[in-house]
Amino acid sequence: MKTIDVKLILNRPVRLTYLDYTYWEYTISESPFDPGTYGAHLSLGNNIEKHKDRHIEVYFPRHSMVSEEFEINGDKYKLRLINS
């Protein structure tokens, strides 16, 4: 399992694009009912073939900066939020 560090930027999409036109984009949201509890929406795809985009919801345990485990193409990951 791999852990990916991402900057804690609330409610604003952050996109990382690679030379082969693939990208991943994430948006972090904070729970309005429990400040300090987060969720993330991931979009993965290819800028050329937009119809093949994949969307994943990632959940964080209450008041944790490390997400629950999620799977992409058979590989397992966790997100770790980093204060910038």
N, C-alpha and C. Protein backbone atom coordinates (compact mmCIF):
# COMPACT_ATOMS: atom_id res chain seq x y z
N MET A 1 0.84 -1.17 0.00
CA MET A 1 0.00 0.00 0.00
C MET A 1 0.89 1.24 0.00
N LYS A 2 0.49 2.23 -0.76
CA LYS A 2 1.23 3.48 -0.87
C LYS A 2 0.45 4.59 -0.18
N THR A 3 1.16 5.51 0.44
CA THR A 3 0.54 6.70 1.04
C THR A 3 0.95 7.90 0.19
N ILE A 4 -0.04 8.68 -0.21
CA ILE A 4 0.20 9.86 -1.05
C ILE A 4 -0.05 11.11 -0.21
N ASP A 5 0.94 11.97 -0.13
CA ASP A 5 0.80 13.24 0.59
C ASP A 5 0.14 14.28 -0.32
N VAL A 6 -0.91 14.92 0.18
CA VAL A 6 -1.58 15.99 -0.57
C VAL A 6 -1.74 17.20 0.34
N LYS A 7 -1.65 18.38 -0.25
CA LYS A 7 -1.82 19.61 0.53
C LYS A 7 -3.27 19.77 0.94
N LEU A 8 -3.46 20.20 2.16
CA LEU A 8 -4.81 20.44 2.68
C LEU A 8 -5.28 21.81 2.19
N ILE A 9 -5.95 21.80 1.04
CA ILE A 9 -6.54 22.99 0.44
C ILE A 9 -8.02 22.68 0.32
N LEU A 10 -8.84 23.38 1.07
CA LEU A 10 -10.27 23.06 1.12
C LEU A 10 -11.05 23.62 -0.07
N ASN A 11 -11.95 22.81 -0.59
CA ASN A 11 -12.96 23.21 -1.58
C ASN A 11 -12.40 23.83 -2.85
N ARG A 12 -11.19 23.46 -3.22
CA ARG A 12 -10.60 23.96 -4.47
C ARG A 12 -9.89 22.80 -5.16
N PRO A 13 -10.25 22.50 -6.39
CA PRO A 13 -9.61 21.38 -7.08
C PRO A 13 -8.12 21.63 -7.31
N VAL A 14 -7.33 20.60 -7.08
CA VAL A 14 -5.89 20.63 -7.35
C VAL A 14 -5.63 19.54 -8.38
N ARG A 15 -5.03 19.91 -9.52
CA ARG A 15 -4.81 18.96 -10.61
C ARG A 15 -3.31 18.79 -10.86
N LEU A 16 -2.91 17.52 -11.02
CA LEU A 16 -1.55 17.17 -11.39
C LEU A 16 -1.62 16.47 -12.75
N THR A 17 -0.94 17.04 -13.77
CA THR A 17 -0.97 16.50 -15.12
C THR A 17 0.43 16.03 -15.49
N TYR A 18 0.50 14.91 -16.19
CA TYR A 18 1.77 14.30 -16.57
C TYR A 18 2.00 14.41 -18.07
N LEU A 19 3.22 14.13 -18.52
CA LEU A 19 3.60 14.29 -19.93
C LEU A 19 2.76 13.43 -20.88
N ASP A 20 2.24 12.31 -20.41
CA ASP A 20 1.42 11.45 -21.28
C ASP A 20 -0.05 11.86 -21.29
N TYR A 21 -0.35 13.04 -20.75
CA TYR A 21 -1.69 13.63 -20.70
C TYR A 21 -2.62 12.98 -19.67
N THR A 22 -2.10 12.07 -18.87
CA THR A 22 -2.92 11.55 -17.78
C THR A 22 -2.88 12.57 -16.65
N TYR A 23 -3.89 12.51 -15.81
CA TYR A 23 -3.94 13.45 -14.70
C TYR A 23 -4.69 12.82 -13.54
N TRP A 24 -4.51 13.42 -12.37
CA TRP A 24 -5.39 13.15 -11.24
C TRP A 24 -5.66 14.47 -10.57
N GLU A 25 -6.86 14.60 -10.11
CA GLU A 25 -7.33 15.85 -9.50
C GLU A 25 -8.04 15.50 -8.21
N TYR A 26 -7.83 16.31 -7.20
CA TYR A 26 -8.51 16.05 -5.93
C TYR A 26 -9.10 17.33 -5.38
N THR A 27 -10.20 17.18 -4.66
CA THR A 27 -10.84 18.28 -3.94
C THR A 27 -11.11 17.77 -2.53
N ILE A 28 -10.62 18.51 -1.54
CA ILE A 28 -10.81 18.15 -0.14
C ILE A 28 -11.95 18.99 0.42
N SER A 29 -12.86 18.34 1.13
CA SER A 29 -13.97 19.03 1.78
C SER A 29 -13.95 18.71 3.27
N GLU A 30 -14.38 19.68 4.06
CA GLU A 30 -14.49 19.48 5.50
C GLU A 30 -15.96 19.33 5.86
N SER A 31 -16.25 18.45 6.78
CA SER A 31 -17.63 18.23 7.20
C SER A 31 -18.18 19.49 7.86
N PRO A 32 -19.35 19.97 7.43
CA PRO A 32 -19.94 21.15 8.06
C PRO A 32 -20.48 20.83 9.46
N PHE A 33 -20.65 19.55 9.75
CA PHE A 33 -21.21 19.13 11.03
C PHE A 33 -20.15 18.72 12.04
N ASP A 34 -18.91 18.48 11.55
CA ASP A 34 -17.83 18.03 12.42
C ASP A 34 -16.50 18.59 11.91
N PRO A 35 -16.21 19.87 12.20
CA PRO A 35 -14.95 20.46 11.73
C PRO A 35 -13.76 19.61 12.12
N GLY A 36 -12.84 19.44 11.19
CA GLY A 36 -11.67 18.61 11.41
C GLY A 36 -11.84 17.20 10.84
N THR A 37 -13.02 16.93 10.27
CA THR A 37 -13.27 15.65 9.61
C THR A 37 -13.39 15.93 8.11
N TYR A 38 -12.64 15.18 7.30
CA TYR A 38 -12.50 15.48 5.88
C TYR A 38 -12.98 14.34 4.99
N GLY A 39 -13.17 14.68 3.74
CA GLY A 39 -13.44 13.74 2.67
C GLY A 39 -12.78 14.28 1.42
N ALA A 40 -12.50 13.42 0.46
CA ALA A 40 -11.86 13.85 -0.78
C ALA A 40 -12.57 13.24 -1.96
N HIS A 41 -12.64 14.00 -3.04
CA HIS A 41 -13.16 13.50 -4.31
C HIS A 41 -11.97 13.46 -5.27
N LEU A 42 -11.67 12.27 -5.82
CA LEU A 42 -10.58 12.10 -6.78
C LEU A 42 -11.14 11.90 -8.17
N SER A 43 -10.51 12.53 -9.14
CA SER A 43 -10.81 12.29 -10.54
C SER A 43 -9.50 11.88 -11.20
N LEU A 44 -9.54 10.78 -11.95
CA LEU A 44 -8.36 10.28 -12.65
C LEU A 44 -8.73 10.11 -14.10
N GLY A 45 -7.81 10.45 -14.98
CA GLY A 45 -8.16 10.29 -16.38
C GLY A 45 -7.06 10.69 -17.32
N ASN A 46 -7.47 10.93 -18.55
CA ASN A 46 -6.58 11.28 -19.64
C ASN A 46 -7.19 12.48 -20.33
N ASN A 47 -6.44 13.55 -20.50
CA ASN A 47 -6.96 14.77 -21.11
C ASN A 47 -7.44 14.56 -22.55
N ILE A 48 -6.98 13.51 -23.20
CA ILE A 48 -7.37 13.24 -24.59
C ILE A 48 -8.69 12.47 -24.62
N GLU A 49 -8.85 11.48 -23.73
CA GLU A 49 -10.04 10.63 -23.73
C GLU A 49 -10.88 10.93 -22.49
N LYS A 50 -11.60 12.03 -22.52
CA LYS A 50 -12.35 12.48 -21.34
C LYS A 50 -13.43 11.50 -20.90
N HIS A 51 -13.98 10.72 -21.81
CA HIS A 51 -15.06 9.80 -21.44
C HIS A 51 -14.57 8.64 -20.57
N LYS A 52 -13.26 8.50 -20.37
CA LYS A 52 -12.73 7.41 -19.54
C LYS A 52 -12.32 7.88 -18.15
N ASP A 53 -12.77 9.06 -17.75
CA ASP A 53 -12.44 9.56 -16.42
C ASP A 53 -13.03 8.63 -15.35
N ARG A 54 -12.35 8.56 -14.24
CA ARG A 54 -12.81 7.74 -13.12
C ARG A 54 -12.92 8.63 -11.89
N HIS A 55 -13.97 8.46 -11.13
CA HIS A 55 -14.20 9.28 -9.94
C HIS A 55 -14.27 8.38 -8.71
N ILE A 56 -13.60 8.80 -7.65
CA ILE A 56 -13.55 8.00 -6.42
C ILE A 56 -13.76 8.93 -5.23
N GLU A 57 -14.57 8.50 -4.29
CA GLU A 57 -14.74 9.21 -3.03
C GLU A 57 -13.83 8.56 -2.00
N VAL A 58 -13.06 9.38 -1.30
CA VAL A 58 -12.14 8.88 -0.28
C VAL A 58 -12.58 9.44 1.06
N TYR A 59 -12.67 8.58 2.03
CA TYR A 59 -13.15 8.98 3.36
C TYR A 59 -12.02 8.95 4.37
N PHE A 60 -12.11 9.85 5.32
CA PHE A 60 -11.13 9.95 6.40
C PHE A 60 -11.83 9.61 7.71
N PRO A 61 -11.18 8.81 8.57
CA PRO A 61 -11.76 8.59 9.90
C PRO A 61 -11.91 9.93 10.62
N ARG A 62 -12.81 9.99 11.55
CA ARG A 62 -13.10 11.23 12.27
C ARG A 62 -11.83 11.85 12.85
N HIS A 63 -11.58 13.11 12.49
CA HIS A 63 -10.45 13.91 12.97
C HIS A 63 -9.10 13.31 12.64
N SER A 64 -9.01 12.57 11.55
CA SER A 64 -7.75 11.97 11.12
C SER A 64 -7.24 12.68 9.87
N MET A 65 -5.93 12.78 9.76
CA MET A 65 -5.31 13.37 8.58
C MET A 65 -4.88 12.30 7.57
N VAL A 66 -5.15 11.03 7.88
CA VAL A 66 -4.83 9.92 6.98
C VAL A 66 -6.14 9.22 6.61
N SER A 67 -6.35 9.04 5.32
CA SER A 67 -7.62 8.48 4.84
C SER A 67 -7.72 6.99 5.09
N GLU A 68 -8.92 6.50 4.87
CA GLU A 68 -9.12 5.07 4.81
C GLU A 68 -8.48 4.57 3.51
N GLU A 69 -8.21 3.31 3.44
CA GLU A 69 -7.60 2.70 2.27
C GLU A 69 -8.60 2.68 1.11
N PHE A 70 -8.11 2.96 -0.11
CA PHE A 70 -8.92 2.86 -1.31
C PHE A 70 -8.10 2.19 -2.40
N GLU A 71 -8.78 1.71 -3.43
CA GLU A 71 -8.11 0.92 -4.46
C GLU A 71 -8.30 1.54 -5.83
N ILE A 72 -7.20 1.54 -6.61
CA ILE A 72 -7.24 2.00 -8.01
C ILE A 72 -6.44 0.98 -8.82
N ASN A 73 -7.08 0.39 -9.82
CA ASN A 73 -6.44 -0.59 -10.71
C ASN A 73 -5.71 -1.69 -9.94
N GLY A 74 -6.29 -2.16 -8.86
CA GLY A 74 -5.70 -3.24 -8.09
C GLY A 74 -4.66 -2.83 -7.07
N ASP A 75 -4.22 -1.58 -7.09
CA ASP A 75 -3.26 -1.08 -6.11
C ASP A 75 -3.99 -0.36 -4.99
N LYS A 76 -3.46 -0.44 -3.77
CA LYS A 76 -4.10 0.17 -2.62
C LYS A 76 -3.33 1.40 -2.18
N TYR A 77 -4.10 2.43 -1.79
CA TYR A 77 -3.53 3.72 -1.42
C TYR A 77 -4.22 4.29 -0.19
N LYS A 78 -3.55 5.27 0.41
CA LYS A 78 -4.14 6.15 1.42
C LYS A 78 -3.67 7.56 1.11
N LEU A 79 -4.49 8.55 1.42
CA LEU A 79 -4.09 9.95 1.32
C LEU A 79 -3.70 10.45 2.70
N ARG A 80 -2.64 11.26 2.75
CA ARG A 80 -2.26 11.92 3.99
C ARG A 80 -2.30 13.42 3.74
N LEU A 81 -3.10 14.14 4.53
CA LEU A 81 -3.24 15.59 4.37
C LEU A 81 -2.09 16.29 5.05
N ILE A 82 -1.49 17.23 4.32
CA ILE A 82 -0.35 17.99 4.81
C ILE A 82 -0.77 19.47 4.86
N ASN A 83 -0.61 20.10 6.02
CA ASN A 83 -0.88 21.55 6.11
C ASN A 83 0.22 22.28 5.38
N SER A 84 -0.17 23.17 4.47
CA SER A 84 0.84 23.89 3.69
C SER A 84 1.33 25.13 4.36
